[in-house]
Amino acid sequence: MDSPHMVRSRLSSLSLEQARDARARAWAYIFQCWQEKQKPAEPAPEPDGRNDGAIVRDIEGVSHVEQRPDRPSEIT
């Protein structure tokens, strides 16, 4: 018998079926994470007048600015 053969020693107390099930659960988790990354990202919400971080993108043609009654003017 000159051909080499592999000897497998058990490194843990898991049965072959338990090890197979653990690998299946790990791959299922990996696939689930991958699928979630493939979903398109949700667009950012549009800024509204109530948001202090609202960005004014086009100010050309603005003739006046109304002050909100609940906030004092910040211009000195």
Protein backbone atom coordinates (compact mmCIF):
# COMPACT_ATOMS: atom_id res chain seq x y z
CA MET A 1 0.00 0.00 0.00
CA ASP A 2 2.14 2.82 -1.33
CA SER A 3 -0.60 5.45 -1.75
CA PRO A 4 -0.85 8.10 0.97
CA HIS A 5 -4.04 8.36 2.92
CA MET A 6 -5.46 11.08 5.15
CA VAL A 7 -6.12 10.56 8.79
CA ARG A 8 -8.57 12.90 10.42
CA SER A 9 -8.49 13.38 14.14
CA ARG A 10 -11.40 14.99 15.94
CA LEU A 11 -10.49 18.30 17.49
CA SER A 12 -13.71 18.78 19.39
CA SER A 13 -16.51 16.87 20.96
CA LEU A 14 -18.95 17.85 18.19
CA SER A 15 -20.45 15.11 16.10
CA LEU A 16 -20.16 15.33 12.33
CA GLU A 17 -23.82 16.38 12.12
CA GLN A 18 -23.38 19.13 14.72
CA ALA A 19 -20.32 20.46 12.90
CA ARG A 20 -22.22 20.41 9.59
CA ASP A 21 -25.16 22.28 11.16
CA ALA A 22 -22.82 24.90 12.67
CA ARG A 23 -21.21 25.49 9.26
CA ALA A 24 -24.65 25.77 7.64
CA ARG A 25 -25.74 28.39 10.19
CA ALA A 26 -22.51 30.35 9.70
CA TRP A 27 -22.93 30.39 5.90
CA ALA A 28 -26.60 31.37 6.23
CA TYR A 29 -25.57 34.34 8.40
CA ILE A 30 -22.85 35.37 5.92
CA PHE A 31 -25.30 35.18 3.02
CA GLN A 32 -27.90 37.20 4.93
CA CYS A 33 -25.35 39.96 5.63
CA TRP A 34 -24.31 39.97 1.98
CA GLN A 35 -27.94 40.28 0.85
CA GLU A 36 -28.52 43.25 3.17
CA LYS A 37 -25.50 45.02 1.67
CA GLN A 38 -26.93 44.53 -1.83
CA LYS A 39 -30.11 46.49 -1.03
CA PRO A 40 -30.08 50.05 -2.37
CA ALA A 41 -29.48 52.67 0.27
CA GLU A 42 -32.47 54.76 1.31
CA PRO A 43 -32.25 58.37 0.13
CA ALA A 44 -31.52 60.99 2.76
CA PRO A 45 -34.59 62.88 3.96
CA GLU A 46 -35.13 66.30 2.44
CA PRO A 47 -34.44 69.18 4.82
CA ASP A 48 -37.48 71.10 6.00
CA GLY A 49 -38.03 74.48 7.64
CA ARG A 50 -38.02 72.94 11.12
CA ASN A 51 -34.51 71.56 10.73
CA ASP A 52 -31.69 73.79 12.00
CA GLY A 53 -29.33 71.98 9.62
CA ALA A 54 -31.44 72.71 6.54
CA ILE A 55 -29.32 73.75 3.59
CA VAL A 56 -30.38 76.52 1.24
CA ARG A 57 -29.14 75.50 -2.19
CA ASP A 58 -30.56 78.21 -4.46
CA ILE A 59 -30.77 81.72 -3.06
CA GLU A 60 -30.82 83.59 -6.36
CA GLY A 61 -33.94 85.71 -6.64
CA VAL A 62 -34.74 85.81 -2.93
CA SER A 63 -36.20 89.20 -2.13
CA HIS A 64 -36.90 88.87 1.59
CA VAL A 65 -36.55 86.48 4.51
CA GLU A 66 -39.27 86.05 7.08
CA GLN A 67 -38.21 85.55 10.68
CA ARG A 68 -39.76 82.73 12.61
CA PRO A 69 -41.64 84.08 15.65
CA ASP A 70 -40.26 81.33 17.91
CA ARG A 71 -36.59 82.21 17.19
CA PRO A 72 -34.75 85.52 17.60
CA SER A 73 -32.62 86.83 14.79
CA GLU A 74 -29.00 85.71 14.95
CA ILE A 75 -27.72 88.61 12.86
CA THR A 76 -26.22 91.43 14.91
